Amino acid sequence: MRVVSLLPSATELLVGVGGQDLLVGRSHECDWPVEITDRPILTSQRTTGSTGAAIDEEVRQLLKEGQPLYELDENQLADLKPDLILTQDLCSVCSIDLAAVSRVASRLSPQPQVMSLNPTSLDDVYDDALRIGSAIGYRTKADQAVVNWRATYHNARDYVNCYEQGPVVAFLEWHDPMMAAGHWTPALIEAAGGQHPYNPPGANAITISAEKLKAARPDRLIVCPCGLDLESIVQQLDVLTRSEWWSDIPAVKNNQVAIVDGNQMFNRPGPRLIDAFCWLVGWLQERPEVIPNNFPWQPIAGDATIENH
């Protein structure tokens, strides 16, 4: 079995169910675990912006013109002769879309199977792992992996008192413009004991105004822009901290602001969503022992200085 993954979360699921050695090609964003980074890269992005606003404007313009956000190396893909291509159709901004992959795959000989992963919940992620396991002949390993992930999730959830009304949480999946997280993240927040008033579990991420952000009076604020690591977030954090409304947020007043590596955590619906959930429980419930070792996050003081943790 020869597998090409054009989606970071799919790559992580493939590895999670034991299929690392089957991976023969990857997207430019597939960077974990490091052991797979020696596989050929088949995609590239067309956006070049260096700030949140610039990236957002480029994306909007390309979509308006009907232009793709990513390019696929069709010749190299053909040379790899994959049996299975993993891709997605959930977000046209996050990675190459299903239609483009299907068009290319239909011209290959032999024609590979194309599997689209479009989860909107953690249960969907488990199901995707089982689907991948079945497709590569590793269903037993996939079953055990899901059992282990579910056990870790429920062990963390035991720290949550479901009879208490938890803190209101604002989770920013993008910072300029501000976007409240969607899909699986609101459900994870609620399961970790928080309240997410901006959109319901399973819904798409939505753009929100400063007025809407303030109206909910969030007790906790998480800044986790999709695709940005901690260093990039810190460099662009002043877009938020210099805003007039920043000091009016209860989370800011009480030093309950965190930045999380949005390239690795929360925004990839793969096995590391379990780590992200454990971090949520640990932070919201003030149980640091639940937070995974080396989880990529930093607390931010009200004056926007990074605290030690």
Protein backbone atom coordinates (compact mmCIF):
# COMPACT_ATOMS: atom_id res chain seq x y z
CA MET A 1 0.00 0.00 0.00
CA ARG A 2 1.34 3.40 -1.03
CA VAL A 3 -0.31 6.40 0.63
CA VAL A 4 -0.10 10.11 -0.19
CA SER A 5 -1.46 12.54 2.40
CA LEU A 6 -2.31 16.09 1.38
CA LEU A 7 -3.58 17.04 4.83
CA PRO A 8 -1.55 17.38 8.06
CA SER A 9 -4.24 15.88 10.28
CA ALA A 10 -4.62 12.92 7.91
CA THR A 11 -0.87 12.33 8.07
CA GLU A 12 -1.02 12.33 11.86
CA LEU A 13 -3.97 9.92 11.85
CA LEU A 14 -2.17 7.63 9.41
CA VAL A 15 0.86 7.55 11.69
CA GLY A 16 -1.38 7.17 14.74
CA VAL A 17 -2.87 3.94 13.41
CA GLY A 18 0.53 2.52 12.52
CA GLY A 19 0.79 3.43 8.83
CA GLN A 20 3.88 5.64 8.91
CA ASP A 21 5.91 3.36 6.63
CA LEU A 22 3.18 3.45 3.99
CA LEU A 23 3.43 7.22 3.48
CA VAL A 24 5.23 8.04 0.22
CA GLY A 25 4.26 11.71 -0.26
CA ARG A 26 2.89 14.63 1.76
CA SER A 27 1.71 18.22 1.66
CA HIS A 28 3.99 21.17 2.45
CA GLU A 29 2.16 21.50 5.78
CA CYS A 30 2.64 17.89 6.91
CA ASP A 31 5.42 18.42 9.43
CA TRP A 32 4.63 16.04 12.30
CA PRO A 33 5.91 13.67 13.43
CA VAL A 34 9.37 14.72 12.28
CA GLU A 35 10.10 11.20 11.04
CA ILE A 36 7.84 11.77 8.01
CA THR A 37 9.46 15.01 6.88
CA ASP A 38 11.80 13.14 4.54
CA ARG A 39 8.86 12.26 2.25
CA PRO A 40 8.44 14.24 -0.99
CA ILE A 41 6.36 17.44 -0.79
CA LEU A 42 3.58 17.62 -3.37
CA THR A 43 1.83 20.93 -2.61
CA SER A 44 2.66 24.61 -2.21
CA GLN A 45 0.65 27.64 -1.15
CA ARG A 46 0.03 30.68 -3.32
CA THR A 47 -0.41 33.22 -0.52
CA THR A 48 2.66 35.19 0.54
CA GLY A 49 1.33 37.58 3.22
CA SER A 50 3.26 37.91 6.47
CA THR A 51 0.50 39.35 8.67
CA GLY A 52 -2.96 38.14 9.57
CA ALA A 53 -4.67 40.94 7.66
CA ALA A 54 -2.50 40.46 4.57
CA ILE A 55 -3.10 36.70 4.49
CA ASP A 56 -6.83 37.21 4.96
CA GLU A 57 -6.96 39.74 2.09
CA GLU A 58 -5.02 37.46 -0.26
CA VAL A 59 -7.27 34.52 0.53
CA ARG A 60 -10.44 36.54 0.00
CA GLN A 61 -9.17 37.90 -3.31
CA LEU A 62 -8.11 34.51 -4.67
CA LEU A 63 -11.42 32.96 -3.69
CA LYS A 64 -13.30 35.87 -5.26
CA GLU A 65 -11.43 35.29 -8.52
CA GLY A 66 -12.05 31.56 -8.35
CA GLN A 67 -8.33 30.90 -8.10
CA PRO A 68 -6.84 27.99 -6.09
CA LEU A 69 -5.01 28.72 -2.86
CA TYR A 70 -2.69 25.76 -3.30
CA GLU A 71 -0.85 24.06 -6.15
CA LEU A 72 -0.37 20.33 -6.58
CA ASP A 73 2.67 18.78 -8.29
CA GLU A 74 0.80 16.45 -10.62
CA ASN A 75 3.89 14.94 -12.23
CA GLN A 76 5.48 13.97 -8.94
CA LEU A 77 2.17 12.59 -7.71
CA ALA A 78 1.93 10.40 -10.81
CA ASP A 79 5.50 9.19 -10.30
CA LEU A 80 4.68 8.09 -6.73
CA LYS A 81 1.86 5.83 -7.96
CA PRO A 82 -0.25 6.05 -4.81
CA ASP A 83 -2.93 3.50 -3.98
CA LEU A 84 -4.63 5.91 -1.58
CA ILE A 85 -4.74 9.73 -1.42
CA LEU A 86 -5.92 11.38 1.80
CA THR A 87 -7.43 14.85 1.44
CA GLN A 88 -10.34 17.01 2.69
CA ASP A 89 -13.34 19.07 1.63
CA LEU A 90 -14.06 20.80 4.93
CA CYS A 91 -12.14 24.04 4.49
CA SER A 92 -11.00 25.53 1.18
CA VAL A 93 -8.60 27.80 3.05
CA CYS A 94 -6.78 25.16 5.10
CA SER A 95 -5.46 22.86 2.36
CA ILE A 96 -5.99 21.76 -1.22
CA ASP A 97 -9.63 20.93 -1.93
CA LEU A 98 -11.22 17.59 -2.79
CA ALA A 99 -12.36 18.62 -6.29
CA ALA A 100 -8.83 19.51 -7.37
CA VAL A 101 -7.39 16.28 -5.99
CA SER A 102 -10.14 14.17 -7.57
CA ARG A 103 -9.53 15.72 -11.00
CA VAL A 104 -5.84 14.87 -10.84
CA ALA A 105 -6.46 11.38 -9.43
CA SER A 106 -8.89 10.55 -12.25
CA ARG A 107 -6.08 10.99 -14.77
CA LEU A 108 -3.66 8.64 -13.00
CA SER A 109 -3.15 5.05 -14.02
CA PRO A 110 -3.80 3.00 -12.04
CA GLN A 111 -6.39 5.32 -10.50
CA PRO A 112 -5.94 5.65 -6.71
CA GLN A 113 -8.66 5.72 -4.10
CA VAL A 114 -9.30 9.26 -2.82
CA MET A 115 -10.48 9.50 0.78
CA SER A 116 -11.85 12.83 2.00
CA LEU A 117 -11.74 13.54 5.74
CA ASN A 118 -14.22 16.20 6.87
CA PRO A 119 -14.66 15.94 10.65
CA THR A 120 -16.69 18.44 12.66
CA SER A 121 -16.36 16.68 16.03
CA LEU A 122 -13.93 14.56 17.99
CA ASP A 123 -16.08 11.49 17.32
CA ASP A 124 -15.67 12.21 13.59
CA VAL A 125 -11.90 12.21 14.11
CA TYR A 126 -12.10 8.79 15.74
CA ASP A 127 -14.19 7.59 12.80
CA ASP A 128 -11.63 8.96 10.31
CA ALA A 129 -8.91 6.99 12.08
CA LEU A 130 -10.97 3.81 11.70
CA ARG A 131 -11.66 4.57 8.03
CA ILE A 132 -7.96 5.04 7.34
CA GLY A 133 -7.14 1.88 9.29
CA SER A 134 -9.62 -0.12 7.23
CA ALA A 135 -8.35 1.33 3.94
CA ILE A 136 -4.74 0.36 4.64
CA GLY A 137 -5.51 -3.00 6.22
CA TYR A 138 -4.68 -1.87 9.75
CA ARG A 139 -8.16 -1.90 11.29
CA THR A 140 -7.09 -3.75 14.45
CA LYS A 141 -4.33 -1.22 15.12
CA ALA A 142 -6.75 1.61 14.43
CA ASP A 143 -9.28 0.15 16.87
CA GLN A 144 -6.65 0.05 19.62
CA ALA A 145 -5.44 3.56 18.85
CA VAL A 146 -8.97 4.95 19.19
CA VAL A 147 -9.47 3.05 22.46
CA ASN A 148 -6.28 4.63 23.82
CA TRP A 149 -7.24 8.15 22.67
CA ARG A 150 -10.71 7.85 24.17
CA ALA A 151 -9.24 6.65 27.47
CA THR A 152 -6.93 9.67 27.67
CA TYR A 153 -9.82 12.00 26.84
CA HIS A 154 -12.09 10.57 29.52
CA ASN A 155 -9.32 10.52 32.13
CA ALA A 156 -8.93 14.27 31.59
CA ARG A 157 -12.68 14.85 31.64
CA ASP A 158 -12.86 13.30 35.11
CA TYR A 159 -11.34 16.56 36.39
CA VAL A 160 -14.39 18.55 35.22
CA ASN A 161 -17.33 19.13 37.56
CA CYS A 162 -20.34 19.03 35.24
CA TYR A 163 -22.54 20.63 37.92
CA GLU A 164 -20.56 23.86 37.98
CA GLN A 165 -21.03 26.69 35.50
CA GLY A 166 -17.57 27.12 34.06
CA PRO A 167 -15.82 30.20 32.70
CA VAL A 168 -16.87 31.91 29.49
CA VAL A 169 -14.14 31.22 26.95
CA ALA A 170 -13.29 33.26 23.85
CA PHE A 171 -11.23 31.16 21.47
CA LEU A 172 -9.80 33.11 18.53
CA GLU A 173 -8.99 30.88 15.57
CA TRP A 174 -7.81 33.96 13.67
CA HIS A 175 -6.77 37.37 14.93
CA ASP A 176 -7.08 39.88 12.08
CA PRO A 177 -10.01 39.83 11.50
CA MET A 178 -11.03 38.05 14.66
CA MET A 179 -12.68 34.67 14.15
CA ALA A 180 -14.29 32.58 16.88
CA ALA A 181 -13.36 28.91 16.61
CA GLY A 182 -15.75 26.43 15.07
CA HIS A 183 -16.17 22.74 14.23
CA TRP A 184 -14.84 20.57 17.09
CA THR A 185 -13.34 23.32 19.26
CA PRO A 186 -16.56 24.66 20.91
CA ALA A 187 -17.46 21.10 21.95
CA LEU A 188 -13.98 20.58 23.43
CA ILE A 189 -14.34 23.82 25.38
CA GLU A 190 -17.70 22.77 26.78
CA ALA A 191 -16.44 19.28 27.64
CA ALA A 192 -13.50 20.89 29.49
CA GLY A 193 -15.92 22.87 31.65
CA GLY A 194 -16.05 26.14 29.75
CA GLN A 195 -18.77 28.06 27.95
CA HIS A 196 -18.38 29.12 24.32
CA PRO A 197 -21.19 31.59 23.51
CA TYR A 198 -20.08 32.64 20.03
CA ASN A 199 -21.16 29.65 17.95
CA PRO A 200 -22.40 26.11 18.66
CA PRO A 201 -20.39 22.88 18.39
CA GLY A 202 -20.03 21.67 14.83
CA ALA A 203 -20.63 25.08 13.24
CA ASN A 204 -18.03 26.80 11.07
CA ALA A 205 -15.70 29.39 12.55
CA ILE A 206 -17.23 32.87 12.35
CA THR A 207 -15.88 36.39 12.09
CA ILE A 208 -16.74 38.40 15.20
CA SER A 209 -16.54 42.08 16.02
CA ALA A 210 -14.91 43.57 19.09
CA GLU A 211 -18.39 44.42 20.32
CA LYS A 212 -19.50 40.80 20.13
CA LEU A 213 -16.29 39.61 21.76
CA LYS A 214 -16.79 42.04 24.66
CA ALA A 215 -20.53 41.41 25.04
CA ALA A 216 -19.98 37.88 26.30
CA ARG A 217 -17.48 39.14 28.91
CA PRO A 218 -15.09 36.18 28.50
CA ASP A 219 -13.30 35.01 31.63
CA ARG A 220 -10.65 33.25 29.55
CA LEU A 221 -9.18 34.26 26.20
CA ILE A 222 -7.28 31.82 23.97
CA VAL A 223 -5.46 33.12 20.89
CA CYS A 224 -4.68 30.22 18.57
CA PRO A 225 -4.55 31.40 14.92
CA CYS A 226 -4.71 28.55 12.43
CA GLY A 227 -1.28 27.77 10.99
CA LEU A 228 0.75 30.13 13.19
CA ASP A 229 3.35 28.97 15.70
CA LEU A 230 4.02 30.70 19.03
CA GLU A 231 6.72 32.99 17.66
CA SER A 232 4.48 34.21 14.84
CA ILE A 233 1.59 34.80 17.24
CA VAL A 234 3.78 36.87 19.55
CA GLN A 235 4.98 38.97 16.62
CA GLN A 236 1.39 39.76 15.60
CA LEU A 237 -0.23 39.93 19.03
CA ASP A 238 -0.21 43.74 19.07
CA VAL A 239 -3.07 43.66 16.56
CA LEU A 240 -5.15 42.65 19.58
CA THR A 241 -3.30 44.19 22.52
CA ARG A 242 -3.23 47.70 21.03
CA SER A 243 -6.96 47.71 20.40
CA GLU A 244 -9.08 50.04 22.52
CA TRP A 245 -11.22 47.17 23.73
CA TRP A 246 -8.35 44.95 24.94
CA SER A 247 -8.23 46.23 28.52
CA ASP A 248 -12.03 45.92 28.87
CA ILE A 249 -12.01 42.12 28.58
CA PRO A 250 -12.35 40.38 31.99
CA ALA A 251 -9.84 37.74 30.90
CA VAL A 252 -7.28 40.45 30.20
CA LYS A 253 -7.94 42.24 33.50
CA ASN A 254 -7.46 39.00 35.41
CA ASN A 255 -4.41 37.76 33.47
CA GLN A 256 -6.31 34.81 32.02
CA VAL A 257 -5.05 35.02 28.44
CA ALA A 258 -3.16 32.23 26.67
CA ILE A 259 -1.59 31.83 23.27
CA VAL A 260 -1.42 28.32 21.79
CA ASP A 261 0.54 27.11 18.78
CA GLY A 262 -2.18 27.11 16.12
CA ASN A 263 -0.01 25.25 13.66
CA GLN A 264 0.15 22.19 15.91
CA MET A 265 -2.85 22.28 18.21
CA PHE A 266 -6.65 22.57 17.94
CA ASN A 267 -6.69 23.37 14.22
CA ARG A 268 -5.59 19.89 13.10
CA PRO A 269 -8.35 17.32 13.66
CA GLY A 270 -6.03 14.44 14.44
CA PRO A 271 -4.68 12.60 17.50
CA ARG A 272 -3.21 15.75 19.02
CA LEU A 273 -6.72 17.09 19.61
CA ILE A 274 -6.55 14.85 22.68
CA ASP A 275 -3.47 16.74 23.91
CA ALA A 276 -5.27 20.00 23.18
CA PHE A 277 -8.27 18.86 25.22
CA CYS A 278 -6.06 17.84 28.14
CA TRP A 279 -4.47 21.29 28.05
CA LEU A 280 -7.92 22.91 28.06
CA VAL A 281 -8.96 20.91 31.10
CA GLY A 282 -5.70 21.67 32.89
CA TRP A 283 -5.91 25.40 32.19
CA LEU A 284 -9.64 25.95 32.72
CA GLN A 285 -9.82 23.76 35.82
CA GLU A 286 -6.48 24.97 37.21
CA ARG A 287 -5.09 21.46 37.27
CA PRO A 288 -1.62 21.82 35.73
CA GLU A 289 -0.88 18.14 36.24
CA VAL A 290 -3.33 17.35 33.42
CA ILE A 291 -1.44 19.49 30.88
CA PRO A 292 0.78 17.35 28.61
CA ASN A 293 4.52 17.84 28.89
CA ASN A 294 5.92 20.37 26.42
CA PHE A 295 2.49 21.50 25.28
CA PRO A 296 3.13 24.56 23.04
CA TRP A 297 1.47 27.45 24.85
CA GLN A 298 2.28 30.58 26.82
CA PRO A 299 0.23 32.60 29.32
CA ILE A 300 0.00 36.31 28.52
CA ALA A 301 -0.25 38.99 31.20
CA GLY A 302 -2.70 41.87 30.85
CA ASP A 303 0.11 44.13 29.69
CA ALA A 304 0.84 41.55 26.94
CA THR A 305 4.09 40.28 28.45
CA ILE A 306 4.72 36.56 28.23
CA GLU A 307 4.69 34.80 31.58
CA ASN A 308 6.69 31.76 32.55
CA HIS A 309 4.83 28.50 33.07
